[in-house]
Amino acid sequence: MQKQYRLKDRADFSRVYRYGRSWANHQLVLYVFPRPAVDRFRVGVSASKKIGNAVVRNRMRRVIKEVVRLHSDRVISHVDLVFIVRKGAVDMDYEQLRKSVLHVCRKASVLK
């Protein structure tokens, strides 16, 4: 995922958590915060130590960012997205996780 599409700063994450809306399924929670002044979306992924060691957490981050990257043409612009990984996502393969990410995105109406 390119730099301009990444959500990195703690303040940005806090803003999305505090003022954004959330949607969830059994594997993921998605927070969405609208930013009308900007013409592109940004994505952040949060994975706590509860779901596993660093290898597991980083794999979840990479897979979710890759799914969003492959479907970036369908994601609406001018929003910040934060995915929180739940324990149920750890045992899933790529295709199941892709379906889960797209499902929660559809629930949040962030896909065109």
Protein backbone atom coordinates (compact mmCIF):
# COMPACT_ATOMS: atom_id res chain seq x y z
CA MET A 1 0.00 0.00 0.00
CA GLN A 2 1.39 3.39 -0.97
CA LYS A 3 2.33 5.96 1.67
CA GLN A 4 -0.46 8.39 0.92
CA TYR A 5 -3.00 5.65 1.71
CA ARG A 6 -1.57 4.79 5.14
CA LEU A 7 -2.90 5.96 8.46
CA LYS A 8 0.06 6.13 10.83
CA ASP A 9 -0.14 8.86 13.47
CA ARG A 10 -1.57 8.13 16.90
CA ALA A 11 -3.60 11.35 16.69
CA ASP A 12 -5.22 10.16 13.44
CA PHE A 13 -6.14 6.81 14.98
CA SER A 14 -7.55 8.56 18.06
CA ARG A 15 -9.64 10.90 15.90
CA VAL A 16 -11.12 7.96 13.99
CA TYR A 17 -11.89 6.05 17.21
CA ARG A 18 -13.43 9.08 18.93
CA TYR A 19 -15.47 10.65 16.15
CA GLY A 20 -15.92 7.85 13.63
CA ARG A 21 -18.67 5.25 13.36
CA SER A 22 -18.03 1.53 13.73
CA TRP A 23 -19.29 -1.64 12.10
CA ALA A 24 -18.27 -5.18 12.94
CA ASN A 25 -18.48 -8.85 12.10
CA HIS A 26 -16.96 -11.80 13.98
CA GLN A 27 -13.47 -11.23 12.60
CA LEU A 28 -13.08 -7.45 12.25
CA VAL A 29 -14.24 -4.09 13.52
CA LEU A 30 -14.18 -1.19 11.06
CA TYR A 31 -14.15 2.45 12.15
CA VAL A 32 -14.94 5.05 9.47
CA PHE A 33 -14.29 8.77 9.80
CA PRO A 34 -15.28 11.09 6.92
CA ARG A 35 -12.75 13.72 5.76
CA PRO A 36 -14.44 15.86 3.09
CA ALA A 37 -11.41 18.10 2.43
CA VAL A 38 -9.25 15.24 1.10
CA ASP A 39 -9.74 13.32 -2.15
CA ARG A 40 -8.41 9.90 -1.11
CA PHE A 41 -8.95 7.34 1.62
CA ARG A 42 -6.43 6.22 4.24
CA VAL A 43 -6.27 2.84 5.99
CA GLY A 44 -4.90 1.76 9.34
CA VAL A 45 -4.92 -1.68 10.94
CA SER A 46 -4.80 -2.36 14.66
CA ALA A 47 -3.97 -5.81 16.01
CA SER A 48 -3.54 -6.23 19.77
CA LYS A 49 -1.32 -8.73 21.51
CA LYS A 50 -4.41 -10.77 22.38
CA ILE A 51 -4.55 -12.22 18.87
CA GLY A 52 -1.00 -13.59 18.85
CA ASN A 53 2.68 -12.86 18.61
CA ALA A 54 4.30 -10.30 16.31
CA VAL A 55 4.38 -12.70 13.36
CA VAL A 56 0.62 -13.26 13.55
CA ARG A 57 -0.19 -9.57 14.07
CA ASN A 58 1.97 -8.44 11.16
CA ARG A 59 0.50 -11.10 8.87
CA MET A 60 -3.00 -9.85 9.67
CA ARG A 61 -1.93 -6.27 8.92
CA ARG A 62 -0.33 -7.24 5.61
CA VAL A 63 -3.28 -9.33 4.43
CA ILE A 64 -5.89 -6.69 5.29
CA LYS A 65 -3.88 -3.92 3.63
CA GLU A 66 -3.42 -6.10 0.54
CA VAL A 67 -7.16 -6.78 0.28
CA VAL A 68 -7.88 -3.05 0.53
CA ARG A 69 -5.16 -2.29 -2.02
CA LEU A 70 -6.61 -4.76 -4.53
CA HIS A 71 -10.08 -3.25 -4.09
CA SER A 72 -8.95 0.38 -3.77
CA ASP A 73 -10.82 1.37 -6.92
CA ARG A 74 -14.08 0.38 -5.18
CA VAL A 75 -13.41 2.24 -1.89
CA ILE A 76 -14.97 5.67 -1.62
CA SER A 77 -12.60 8.59 -1.26
CA HIS A 78 -12.33 11.15 1.57
CA VAL A 79 -12.55 8.70 4.51
CA ASP A 80 -10.19 7.29 7.11
CA LEU A 81 -10.63 3.56 7.77
CA VAL A 82 -9.30 1.68 10.81
CA PHE A 83 -9.63 -2.10 10.94
CA ILE A 84 -9.34 -3.82 14.32
CA VAL A 85 -8.50 -7.50 14.06
CA ARG A 86 -10.40 -9.89 16.31
CA LYS A 87 -9.24 -13.33 17.41
CA GLY A 88 -11.53 -15.10 14.92
CA ALA A 89 -9.55 -13.75 11.97
CA VAL A 90 -6.28 -15.44 12.94
CA ASP A 91 -7.25 -18.94 11.77
CA MET A 92 -8.67 -17.82 8.42
CA ASP A 93 -6.99 -18.26 5.07
CA TYR A 94 -6.63 -15.41 2.58
CA GLU A 95 -9.89 -15.96 0.71
CA GLN A 96 -11.98 -16.12 3.89
CA LEU A 97 -10.30 -13.00 5.25
CA ARG A 98 -10.89 -11.20 1.94
CA LYS A 99 -14.60 -12.00 2.15
CA SER A 100 -14.70 -10.81 5.75
CA VAL A 101 -13.00 -7.49 4.92
CA LEU A 102 -15.34 -6.87 1.99
CA HIS A 103 -18.35 -7.84 4.12
CA VAL A 104 -17.58 -5.30 6.84
CA CYS A 105 -16.81 -2.67 4.18
CA ARG A 106 -20.19 -3.30 2.57
CA LYS A 107 -21.90 -2.99 5.96
CA ALA A 108 -20.19 0.37 6.45
CA SER A 109 -21.10 1.50 2.90
CA VAL A 110 -17.53 2.40 2.00
CA LEU A 111 -17.55 0.47 -1.29
CA LYS A 112 -18.82 2.00 -4.52
